[in-house]
Amino acid sequence: MSFKIEQNKLIINVDLNIYNQETITSAAYKFTDRYYISQKRIGDITSISFQKKIESVTNWTLLEKEFGNELIDQQVRFDTEQKFGYIRNRIVEKAFSPIS
């Protein structure tokens, strides 16, 4: 993951060999309350652009670190769903099955 600041925007480049696109989008979504966000894919890299909604002082380095943590959180959630989602599905299936 790398980042740069240009034209009052933070641009973070995320390697798709490490994080999948669903994870990146989920992580970016968590910041939509404070930033306008756009994504662009270039080969194995997804570039995420953060632009402030309200003009204020922003610590871009802190935002980059927060986004990195959110990426990890979302990737763990995604991986857990892939490995164990069937268990949740079975519980829901059993919970809503007719009583005999």
PDB file of N, CA and C in Angstrom:
ATOM      1  N   MET A   1       0.853  -1.163   0.000  1.00  0.00           N
ATOM      2  CA  MET A   1       0.000   0.000   0.000  1.00  0.00           C
ATOM      3  C   MET A   1       0.899   1.225   0.000  1.00  0.00           C
ATOM      4  N   SER A   2       0.594   2.142  -0.896  1.00  0.00           N
ATOM      5  CA  SER A   2       1.337   3.397  -0.945  1.00  0.00           C
ATOM      6  C   SER A   2       0.334   4.538  -1.051  1.00  0.00           C
ATOM      7  N   PHE A   3       0.801   5.746  -0.718  1.00  0.00           N
ATOM      8  CA  PHE A   3      -0.107   6.881  -0.815  1.00  0.00           C
ATOM      9  C   PHE A   3       0.636   8.123  -1.248  1.00  0.00           C
ATOM     10  N   LYS A   4      -0.144   9.068  -1.759  1.00  0.00           N
ATOM     11  CA  LYS A   4       0.393  10.383  -2.108  1.00  0.00           C
ATOM     12  C   LYS A   4      -0.720  11.402  -1.924  1.00  0.00           C
ATOM     13  N   ILE A   5      -0.314  12.647  -1.745  1.00  0.00           N
ATOM     14  CA  ILE A   5      -1.259  13.740  -1.592  1.00  0.00           C
ATOM     15  C   ILE A   5      -1.073  14.665  -2.777  1.00  0.00           C
ATOM     16  N   GLU A   6      -2.166  14.917  -3.487  1.00  0.00           N
ATOM     17  CA  GLU A   6      -2.095  15.847  -4.607  1.00  0.00           C
ATOM     18  C   GLU A   6      -3.433  16.549  -4.772  1.00  0.00           C
ATOM     19  N   GLN A   7      -3.391  17.829  -5.046  1.00  0.00           N
ATOM     20  CA  GLN A   7      -4.583  18.655  -5.248  1.00  0.00           C
ATOM     21  C   GLN A   7      -5.589  18.487  -4.116  1.00  0.00           C
ATOM     22  N   ASN A   8      -5.101  18.539  -2.890  1.00  0.00           N
ATOM     23  CA  ASN A   8      -5.924  18.437  -1.689  1.00  0.00           C
ATOM     24  C   ASN A   8      -6.727  17.134  -1.626  1.00  0.00           C
ATOM     25  N   LYS A   9      -6.145  16.062  -2.155  1.00  0.00           N
ATOM     26  CA  LYS A   9      -6.738  14.724  -2.102  1.00  0.00           C
ATOM     27  C   LYS A   9      -5.679  13.745  -1.618  1.00  0.00           C
ATOM     28  N   LEU A  10      -6.131  12.737  -0.918  1.00  0.00           N
ATOM     29  CA  LEU A  10      -5.262  11.624  -0.553  1.00  0.00           C
ATOM     30  C   LEU A  10      -5.555  10.498  -1.527  1.00  0.00           C
ATOM     31  N   ILE A  11      -4.513   9.972  -2.144  1.00  0.00           N
ATOM     32  CA  ILE A  11      -4.664   8.855  -3.071  1.00  0.00           C
ATOM     33  C   ILE A  11      -3.887   7.674  -2.510  1.00  0.00           C
ATOM     34  N   ILE A  12      -4.604   6.587  -2.260  1.00  0.00           N
ATOM     35  CA  ILE A  12      -4.000   5.375  -1.710  1.00  0.00           C
ATOM     36  C   ILE A  12      -4.067   4.292  -2.777  1.00  0.00           C
ATOM     37  N   ASN A  13      -2.932   3.659  -3.029  1.00  0.00           N
ATOM     38  CA  ASN A  13      -2.859   2.557  -3.989  1.00  0.00           C
ATOM     39  C   ASN A  13      -2.784   1.243  -3.224  1.00  0.00           C
ATOM     40  N   VAL A  14      -3.708   0.347  -3.535  1.00  0.00           N
ATOM     41  CA  VAL A  14      -3.799  -0.933  -2.826  1.00  0.00           C
ATOM     42  C   VAL A  14      -3.572  -2.064  -3.823  1.00  0.00           C
ATOM     43  N   ASP A  15      -2.706  -2.984  -3.449  1.00  0.00           N
ATOM     44  CA  ASP A  15      -2.356  -4.129  -4.293  1.00  0.00           C
ATOM     45  C   ASP A  15      -3.449  -5.194  -4.213  1.00  0.00           C
ATOM     46  N   LEU A  16      -4.018  -5.534  -5.352  1.00  0.00           N
ATOM     47  CA  LEU A  16      -5.078  -6.543  -5.401  1.00  0.00           C
ATOM     48  C   LEU A  16      -4.556  -7.960  -5.173  1.00  0.00           C
ATOM     49  N   ASN A  17      -3.255  -8.144  -5.125  1.00  0.00           N
ATOM     50  CA  ASN A  17      -2.688  -9.443  -4.771  1.00  0.00           C
ATOM     51  C   ASN A  17      -2.719  -9.660  -3.263  1.00  0.00           C
ATOM     52  N   ILE A  18      -2.948  -8.577  -2.503  1.00  0.00           N
ATOM     53  CA  ILE A  18      -3.006  -8.662  -1.047  1.00  0.00           C
ATOM     54  C   ILE A  18      -4.447  -8.563  -0.553  1.00  0.00           C
ATOM     55  N   TYR A  19      -5.190  -7.579  -1.060  1.00  0.00           N
ATOM     56  CA  TYR A  19      -6.580  -7.351  -0.666  1.00  0.00           C
ATOM     57  C   TYR A  19      -7.474  -7.513  -1.885  1.00  0.00           C
ATOM     58  N   ASN A  20      -8.648  -8.132  -1.707  1.00  0.00           N
ATOM     59  CA  ASN A  20      -9.553  -8.263  -2.849  1.00  0.00           C
ATOM     60  C   ASN A  20     -10.403  -7.000  -2.994  1.00  0.00           C
ATOM     61  N   GLN A  21     -11.020  -6.838  -4.150  1.00  0.00           N
ATOM     62  CA  GLN A  21     -11.764  -5.611  -4.456  1.00  0.00           C
ATOM     63  C   GLN A  21     -12.932  -5.391  -3.502  1.00  0.00           C
ATOM     64  N   GLU A  22     -13.610  -6.454  -3.117  1.00  0.00           N
ATOM     65  CA  GLU A  22     -14.732  -6.328  -2.182  1.00  0.00           C
ATOM     66  C   GLU A  22     -14.268  -5.752  -0.847  1.00  0.00           C
ATOM     67  N   THR A  23     -13.116  -6.202  -0.375  1.00  0.00           N
ATOM     68  CA  THR A  23     -12.544  -5.705   0.867  1.00  0.00           C
ATOM     69  C   THR A  23     -12.205  -4.223   0.754  1.00  0.00           C
ATOM     70  N   ILE A  24     -11.606  -3.833  -0.344  1.00  0.00           N
ATOM     71  CA  ILE A  24     -11.213  -2.436  -0.552  1.00  0.00           C
ATOM     72  C   ILE A  24     -12.446  -1.539  -0.572  1.00  0.00           C
ATOM     73  N   THR A  25     -13.474  -1.957  -1.281  1.00  0.00           N
ATOM     74  CA  THR A  25     -14.702  -1.167  -1.359  1.00  0.00           C
ATOM     75  C   THR A  25     -15.373  -1.068   0.005  1.00  0.00           C
ATOM     76  N   SER A  26     -15.405  -2.155   0.755  1.00  0.00           N
ATOM     77  CA  SER A  26     -15.996  -2.138   2.099  1.00  0.00           C
ATOM     78  C   SER A  26     -15.237  -1.201   3.024  1.00  0.00           C
ATOM     79  N   ALA A  27     -13.918  -1.231   2.945  1.00  0.00           N
ATOM     80  CA  ALA A  27     -13.101  -0.344   3.777  1.00  0.00           C
ATOM     81  C   ALA A  27     -13.330   1.111   3.389  1.00  0.00           C
ATOM     82  N   ALA A  28     -13.371   1.396   2.109  1.00  0.00           N
ATOM     83  CA  ALA A  28     -13.582   2.775   1.645  1.00  0.00           C
ATOM     84  C   ALA A  28     -14.952   3.292   2.080  1.00  0.00           C
ATOM     85  N   TYR A  29     -15.944   2.424   2.050  1.00  0.00           N
ATOM     86  CA  TYR A  29     -17.304   2.816   2.423  1.00  0.00           C
ATOM     87  C   TYR A  29     -17.360   3.399   3.833  1.00  0.00           C
ATOM     88  N   LYS A  30     -16.542   2.897   4.735  1.00  0.00           N
ATOM     89  CA  LYS A  30     -16.531   3.362   6.122  1.00  0.00           C
ATOM     90  C   LYS A  30     -16.174   4.840   6.242  1.00  0.00           C
ATOM     91  N   PHE A  31     -15.596   5.422   5.199  1.00  0.00           N
ATOM     92  CA  PHE A  31     -15.142   6.809   5.245  1.00  0.00           C
ATOM     93  C   PHE A  31     -16.037   7.754   4.444  1.00  0.00           C
ATOM     94  N   THR A  32     -17.137   7.245   3.902  1.00  0.00           N
ATOM     95  CA  THR A  32     -17.982   8.081   3.043  1.00  0.00           C
ATOM     96  C   THR A  32     -18.726   9.167   3.808  1.00  0.00           C
ATOM     97  N   ASP A  33     -18.793   9.071   5.119  1.00  0.00           N
ATOM     98  CA  ASP A  33     -19.439  10.132   5.886  1.00  0.00           C
ATOM     99  C   ASP A  33     -18.593  11.403   5.914  1.00  0.00           C
ATOM    100  N   ARG A  34     -17.271  11.261   5.772  1.00  0.00           N
ATOM    101  CA  ARG A  34     -16.371  12.417   5.861  1.00  0.00           C
ATOM    102  C   ARG A  34     -15.697  12.796   4.555  1.00  0.00           C
ATOM    103  N   TYR A  35     -15.670  11.864   3.586  1.00  0.00           N
ATOM    104  CA  TYR A  35     -14.914  12.103   2.353  1.00  0.00           C
ATOM    105  C   TYR A  35     -15.707  11.668   1.128  1.00  0.00           C
ATOM    106  N   TYR A  36     -15.448  12.363   0.030  1.00  0.00           N
ATOM    107  CA  TYR A  36     -15.897  11.873  -1.274  1.00  0.00           C
ATOM    108  C   TYR A  36     -14.840  10.873  -1.716  1.00  0.00           C
ATOM    109  N   ILE A  37     -15.269   9.723  -2.150  1.00  0.00           N
ATOM    110  CA  ILE A  37     -14.322   8.657  -2.468  1.00  0.00           C
ATOM    111  C   ILE A  37     -14.558   8.164  -3.885  1.00  0.00           C
ATOM    112  N   SER A  38     -13.463   7.960  -4.589  1.00  0.00           N
ATOM    113  CA  SER A  38     -13.559   7.338  -5.909  1.00  0.00           C
ATOM    114  C   SER A  38     -12.493   6.254  -6.004  1.00  0.00           C
ATOM    115  N   GLN A  39     -12.764   5.262  -6.834  1.00  0.00           N
ATOM    116  CA  GLN A  39     -11.833   4.153  -7.032  1.00  0.00           C
ATOM    117  C   GLN A  39     -11.540   3.999  -8.513  1.00  0.00           C
ATOM    118  N   LYS A  40     -10.316   3.604  -8.780  1.00  0.00           N
ATOM    119  CA  LYS A  40      -9.918   3.340 -10.163  1.00  0.00           C
ATOM    120  C   LYS A  40      -8.961   2.155 -10.140  1.00  0.00           C
ATOM    121  N   ARG A  41      -9.207   1.204 -11.017  1.00  0.00           N
ATOM    122  CA  ARG A  41      -8.345   0.024 -11.094  1.00  0.00           C
ATOM    123  C   ARG A  41      -7.381   0.169 -12.260  1.00  0.00           C
ATOM    124  N   ILE A  42      -6.108  -0.061 -11.957  1.00  0.00           N
ATOM    125  CA  ILE A  42      -5.056  -0.036 -12.972  1.00  0.00           C
ATOM    126  C   ILE A  42      -4.242  -1.315 -12.794  1.00  0.00           C
ATOM    127  N   GLY A  43      -4.507  -2.321 -13.621  1.00  0.00           N
ATOM    128  CA  GLY A  43      -3.809  -3.602 -13.490  1.00  0.00           C
ATOM    129  C   GLY A  43      -4.136  -4.264 -12.166  1.00  0.00           C
ATOM    130  N   ASP A  44      -3.100  -4.569 -11.388  1.00  0.00           N
ATOM    131  CA  ASP A  44      -3.261  -5.215 -10.083  1.00  0.00           C
ATOM    132  C   ASP A  44      -3.350  -4.215  -8.940  1.00  0.00           C
ATOM    133  N   ILE A  45      -3.596  -2.955  -9.247  1.00  0.00           N
ATOM    134  CA  ILE A  45      -3.668  -1.902  -8.235  1.00  0.00           C
ATOM    135  C   ILE A  45      -5.033  -1.229  -8.304  1.00  0.00           C
ATOM    136  N   THR A  46      -5.632  -1.011  -7.137  1.00  0.00           N
ATOM    137  CA  THR A  46      -6.818  -0.164  -7.051  1.00  0.00           C
ATOM    138  C   THR A  46      -6.389   1.124  -6.384  1.00  0.00           C
ATOM    139  N   SER A  47      -6.694   2.225  -7.028  1.00  0.00           N
ATOM    140  CA  SER A  47      -6.350   3.548  -6.525  1.00  0.00           C
ATOM    141  C   SER A  47      -7.606   4.174  -5.931  1.00  0.00           C
ATOM    142  N   ILE A  48      -7.547   4.539  -4.641  1.00  0.00           N
ATOM    143  CA  ILE A  48      -8.677   5.133  -3.949  1.00  0.00           C
ATOM    144  C   ILE A  48      -8.341   6.583  -3.653  1.00  0.00           C
ATOM    145  N   SER A  49      -9.240   7.475  -4.036  1.00  0.00           N
ATOM    146  CA  SER A  49      -9.038   8.906  -3.835  1.00  0.00           C
ATOM    147  C   SER A  49      -9.997   9.410  -2.763  1.00  0.00           C
ATOM    148  N   PHE A  50      -9.462  10.119  -1.764  1.00  0.00           N
ATOM    149  CA  PHE A  50     -10.256  10.706  -0.687  1.00  0.00           C
ATOM    150  C   PHE A  50     -10.213  12.223  -0.823  1.00  0.00           C
ATOM    151  N   GLN A  51     -11.381  12.845  -0.886  1.00  0.00           N
ATOM    152  CA  GLN A  51     -11.464  14.303  -0.928  1.00  0.00           C
ATOM    153  C   GLN A  51     -12.411  14.743   0.181  1.00  0.00           C
ATOM    154  N   LYS A  52     -12.006  15.747   0.953  1.00  0.00           N
ATOM    155  CA  LYS A  52     -12.810  16.205   2.081  1.00  0.00           C
ATOM    156  C   LYS A  52     -14.167  16.719   1.620  1.00  0.00           C
ATOM    157  N   LYS A  53     -15.224  16.395   2.388  1.00  0.00           N
ATOM    158  CA  LYS A  53     -16.550  16.939   2.110  1.00  0.00           C
ATOM    159  C   LYS A  53     -16.667  18.357   2.658  1.00  0.00           C
ATOM    160  N   ILE A  54     -16.101  18.563   3.830  1.00  0.00           N
ATOM    161  CA  ILE A  54     -16.141  19.865   4.487  1.00  0.00           C
ATOM    162  C   ILE A  54     -14.714  20.389   4.553  1.00  0.00           C
ATOM    163  N   GLU A  55     -14.542  21.641   4.184  1.00  0.00           N
ATOM    164  CA  GLU A  55     -13.205  22.237   4.200  1.00  0.00           C
ATOM    165  C   GLU A  55     -12.716  22.331   5.641  1.00  0.00           C
ATOM    166  N   SER A  56     -11.708  21.592   5.952  1.00  0.00           N
ATOM    167  CA  SER A  56     -11.125  21.584   7.291  1.00  0.00           C
ATOM    168  C   SER A  56      -9.702  21.062   7.190  1.00  0.00           C
ATOM    169  N   VAL A  57      -9.005  21.156   8.297  1.00  0.00           N
ATOM    170  CA  VAL A  57      -7.648  20.627   8.341  1.00  0.00           C
ATOM    171  C   VAL A  57      -7.742  19.111   8.461  1.00  0.00           C
ATOM    172  N   THR A  58      -7.035  18.410   7.615  1.00  0.00           N
ATOM    173  CA  THR A  58      -7.060  16.948   7.637  1.00  0.00           C
ATOM    174  C   THR A  58      -5.645  16.419   7.755  1.00  0.00           C
ATOM    175  N   ASN A  59      -5.470  15.476   8.647  1.00  0.00           N
ATOM    176  CA  ASN A  59      -4.187  14.797   8.786  1.00  0.00           C
ATOM    177  C   ASN A  59      -4.224  13.598   7.836  1.00  0.00           C
ATOM    178  N   TRP A  60      -3.679  13.791   6.645  1.00  0.00           N
ATOM    179  CA  TRP A  60      -3.742  12.755   5.612  1.00  0.00           C
ATOM    180  C   TRP A  60      -2.992  11.488   6.026  1.00  0.00           C
ATOM    181  N   THR A  61      -1.903  11.646   6.755  1.00  0.00           N
ATOM    182  CA  THR A  61      -1.137  10.475   7.200  1.00  0.00           C
ATOM    183  C   THR A  61      -1.971   9.628   8.156  1.00  0.00           C
ATOM    184  N   LEU A  62      -2.685  10.287   9.054  1.00  0.00           N
ATOM    185  CA  LEU A  62      -3.561   9.568   9.982  1.00  0.00           C
ATOM    186  C   LEU A  62      -4.684   8.861   9.225  1.00  0.00           C
ATOM    187  N   LEU A  63      -5.250   9.524   8.233  1.00  0.00           N
ATOM    188  CA  LEU A  63      -6.297   8.902   7.420  1.00  0.00           C
ATOM    189  C   LEU A  63      -5.769   7.661   6.709  1.00  0.00           C
ATOM    190  N   GLU A  64      -4.570   7.740   6.184  1.00  0.00           N
ATOM    191  CA  GLU A  64      -3.963   6.587   5.501  1.00  0.00           C
ATOM    192  C   GLU A  64      -3.806   5.417   6.469  1.00  0.00           C
ATOM    193  N   LYS A  65      -3.409   5.701   7.707  1.00  0.00           N
ATOM    194  CA  LYS A  65      -3.257   4.638   8.710  1.00  0.00           C
ATOM    195  C   LYS A  65      -4.614   4.052   9.096  1.00  0.00           C
ATOM    196  N   GLU A  66      -5.622   4.922   9.264  1.00  0.00           N
ATOM    197  CA  GLU A  66      -6.967   4.439   9.588  1.00  0.00           C
ATOM    198  C   GLU A  66      -7.508   3.555   8.468  1.00  0.00           C
ATOM    199  N   PHE A  67      -7.268   3.958   7.233  1.00  0.00           N
ATOM    200  CA  PHE A  67      -7.731   3.163   6.097  1.00  0.00           C
ATOM    201  C   PHE A  67      -7.009   1.816   6.068  1.00  0.00           C
ATOM    202  N   GLY A  68      -5.721   1.806   6.368  1.00  0.00           N
ATOM    203  CA  GLY A  68      -4.965   0.553   6.428  1.00  0.00           C
ATOM    204  C   GLY A  68      -5.539  -0.405   7.455  1.00  0.00           C
ATOM    205  N   ASN A  69      -5.883   0.127   8.626  1.00  0.00           N
ATOM    206  CA  ASN A  69      -6.500  -0.711   9.657  1.00  0.00           C
ATOM    207  C   ASN A  69      -7.860  -1.236   9.205  1.00  0.00           C
ATOM    208  N   GLU A  70      -8.626  -0.378   8.544  1.00  0.00           N
ATOM    209  CA  GLU A  70      -9.948  -0.795   8.063  1.00  0.00           C
ATOM    210  C   GLU A  70      -9.826  -1.868   6.985  1.00  0.00           C
ATOM    211  N   LEU A  71      -8.806  -1.760   6.142  1.00  0.00           N
ATOM    212  CA  LEU A  71      -8.562  -2.804   5.135  1.00  0.00           C
ATOM    213  C   LEU A  71      -8.337  -4.157   5.796  1.00  0.00           C
ATOM    214  N   ILE A  72      -7.514  -4.167   6.830  1.00  0.00           N
ATOM    215  CA  ILE A  72      -7.239  -5.419   7.545  1.00  0.00           C
ATOM    216  C   ILE A  72      -8.529  -5.964   8.155  1.00  0.00           C
ATOM    217  N   ASP A  73      -9.304  -5.100   8.811  1.00  0.00           N
ATOM    218  CA  ASP A  73     -10.563  -5.519   9.418  1.00  0.00           C
ATOM    219  C   ASP A  73     -11.501  -6.128   8.380  1.00  0.00           C
ATOM    220  N   GLN A  74     -11.667  -5.457   7.259  1.00  0.00           N
ATOM    221  CA  GLN A  74     -12.569  -5.950   6.225  1.00  0.00           C
ATOM    222  C   GLN A  74     -12.058  -7.234   5.576  1.00  0.00           C
ATOM    223  N   GLN A  75     -10.740  -7.371   5.432  1.00  0.00           N
ATOM    224  CA  GLN A  75     -10.187  -8.594   4.847  1.00  0.00           C
ATOM    225  C   GLN A  75     -10.416  -9.783   5.774  1.00  0.00           C
ATOM    226  N   VAL A  76     -10.258  -9.562   7.087  1.00  0.00           N
ATOM    227  CA  VAL A  76     -10.517 -10.635   8.052  1.00  0.00           C
ATOM    228  C   VAL A  76     -11.991 -11.041   7.998  1.00  0.00           C
ATOM    229  N   ARG A  77     -12.885 -10.064   7.923  1.00  0.00           N
ATOM    230  CA  ARG A  77     -14.314 -10.367   7.818  1.00  0.00           C
ATOM    231  C   ARG A  77     -14.609 -11.171   6.549  1.00  0.00           C
ATOM    232  N   PHE A  78     -14.019 -10.754   5.436  1.00  0.00           N
ATOM    233  CA  PHE A  78     -14.224 -11.443   4.165  1.00  0.00           C
ATOM    234  C   PHE A  78     -13.707 -12.877   4.245  1.00  0.00           C
ATOM    235  N   ASP A  79     -12.487 -13.041   4.763  1.00  0.00           N
ATOM    236  CA  ASP A  79     -11.895 -14.377   4.869  1.00  0.00           C
ATOM    237  C   ASP A  79     -12.714 -15.279   5.785  1.00  0.00           C
ATOM    238  N   THR A  80     -13.194 -14.719   6.908  1.00  0.00           N
ATOM    239  CA  THR A  80     -14.009 -15.489   7.846  1.00  0.00           C
ATOM    240  C   THR A  80     -15.312 -15.933   7.187  1.00  0.00           C
ATOM    241  N   GLU A  81     -15.929 -15.027   6.433  1.00  0.00           N
ATOM    242  CA  GLU A  81     -17.163 -15.375   5.711  1.00  0.00           C
ATOM    243  C   GLU A  81     -16.903 -16.489   4.701  1.00  0.00           C
ATOM    244  N   GLN A  82     -15.788 -16.412   4.007  1.00  0.00           N
ATOM    245  CA  GLN A  82     -15.457 -17.437   3.016  1.00  0.00           C
ATOM    246  C   GLN A  82     -15.263 -18.799   3.678  1.00  0.00           C
ATOM    247  N   LYS A  83     -14.628 -18.802   4.855  1.00  0.00           N
ATOM    248  CA  LYS A  83     -14.324 -20.065   5.529  1.00  0.00           C
ATOM    249  C   LYS A  83     -15.513 -20.629   6.301  1.00  0.00           C
ATOM    250  N   PHE A  84     -16.267 -19.738   6.966  1.00  0.00           N
ATOM    251  CA  PHE A  84     -17.275 -20.216   7.909  1.00  0.00           C
ATOM    252  C   PHE A  84     -18.692 -19.730   7.630  1.00  0.00           C
ATOM    253  N   GLY A  85     -18.906 -19.062   6.524  1.00  0.00           N
ATOM    254  CA  GLY A  85     -20.236 -18.543   6.196  1.00  0.00           C
ATOM    255  C   GLY A  85     -21.294 -19.622   6.127  1.00  0.00           C
ATOM    256  N   TYR A  86     -20.893 -20.806   5.720  1.00  0.00           N
ATOM    257  CA  TYR A  86     -21.849 -21.916   5.615  1.00  0.00           C
ATOM    258  C   TYR A  86     -22.447 -22.257   6.978  1.00  0.00           C
ATOM    259  N   ILE A  87     -21.685 -22.037   8.049  1.00  0.00           N
ATOM    260  CA  ILE A  87     -22.200 -22.324   9.396  1.00  0.00           C
ATOM    261  C   ILE A  87     -23.346 -21.369   9.717  1.00  0.00           C
ATOM    262  N   ARG A  88     -23.144 -20.077   9.443  1.00  0.00           N
ATOM    263  CA  ARG A  88     -24.202 -19.097   9.665  1.00  0.00           C
ATOM    264  C   ARG A  88     -25.432 -19.456   8.837  1.00  0.00           C
ATOM    265  N   ASN A  89     -25.207 -19.834   7.600  1.00  0.00           N
ATOM    266  CA  ASN A  89     -26.327 -20.199   6.730  1.00  0.00           C
ATOM    267  C   ASN A  89     -27.109 -21.385   7.289  1.00  0.00           C
ATOM    268  N   ARG A  90     -26.401 -22.352   7.833  1.00  0.00           N
ATOM    269  CA  ARG A  90     -27.067 -23.529   8.428  1.00  0.00           C
ATOM    270  C   ARG A  90     -27.876 -23.134   9.661  1.00  0.00           C
ATOM    271  N   ILE A  91     -27.323 -22.240  10.482  1.00  0.00           N
ATOM    272  CA  ILE A  91     -28.039 -21.788  11.682  1.00  0.00           C
ATOM    273  C   ILE A  91     -29.318 -21.057  11.289  1.00  0.00           C
ATOM    274  N   VAL A  92     -29.220 -20.164  10.321  1.00  0.00           N
ATOM    275  CA  VAL A  92     -30.395 -19.417   9.854  1.00  0.00           C
ATOM    276  C   VAL A  92     -31.417 -20.372   9.254  1.00  0.00           C
ATOM    277  N   GLU A  93     -30.943 -21.318   8.475  1.00  0.00           N
ATOM    278  CA  GLU A  93     -31.830 -22.316   7.865  1.00  0.00           C
ATOM    279  C   GLU A  93     -32.586 -23.091   8.941  1.00  0.00           C
ATOM    280  N   LYS A  94     -31.867 -23.508   9.973  1.00  0.00           N
ATOM    281  CA  LYS A  94     -32.469 -24.276  11.063  1.00  0.00           C
ATOM    282  C   LYS A  94     -33.437 -23.408  11.867  1.00  0.00           C
ATOM    283  N   ALA A  95     -33.043 -22.164  12.120  1.00  0.00           N
ATOM    284  CA  ALA A  95     -33.874 -21.261  12.923  1.00  0.00           C
ATOM    285  C   ALA A  95     -35.203 -20.955  12.247  1.00  0.00           C
ATOM    286  N   PHE A  96     -35.209 -20.893  10.937  1.00  0.00           N
ATOM    287  CA  PHE A  96     -36.426 -20.538  10.218  1.00  0.00           C
ATOM    288  C   PHE A  96     -37.117 -21.735   9.562  1.00  0.00           C
ATOM    289  N   SER A  97     -36.676 -22.931   9.900  1.00  0.00           N
ATOM    290  CA  SER A  97     -37.340 -24.117   9.353  1.00  0.00           C
ATOM    291  C   SER A  97     -38.634 -24.370  10.132  1.00  0.00           C
ATOM    292  N   PRO A  98     -39.609 -24.994   9.491  1.00  0.00           N
ATOM    293  CA  PRO A  98     -40.883 -25.269  10.165  1.00  0.00           C
ATOM    294  C   PRO A  98     -40.676 -26.198  11.367  1.00  0.00           C
ATOM    295  N   ILE A  99     -41.466 -25.971  12.385  1.00  0.00           N
ATOM    296  CA  ILE A  99     -41.413 -26.831  13.569  1.00  0.00           C
ATOM    297  C   ILE A  99     -42.242 -28.069  13.267  1.00  0.00           C
ATOM    298  N   SER A 100     -41.667 -29.228  13.544  1.00  0.00           N
ATOM    299  CA  SER A 100     -42.414 -30.456  13.247  1.00  0.00           C
ATOM    300  C   SER A 100     -42.845 -31.155  14.501  1.00  0.00           C
TER     301      SER A 100
END
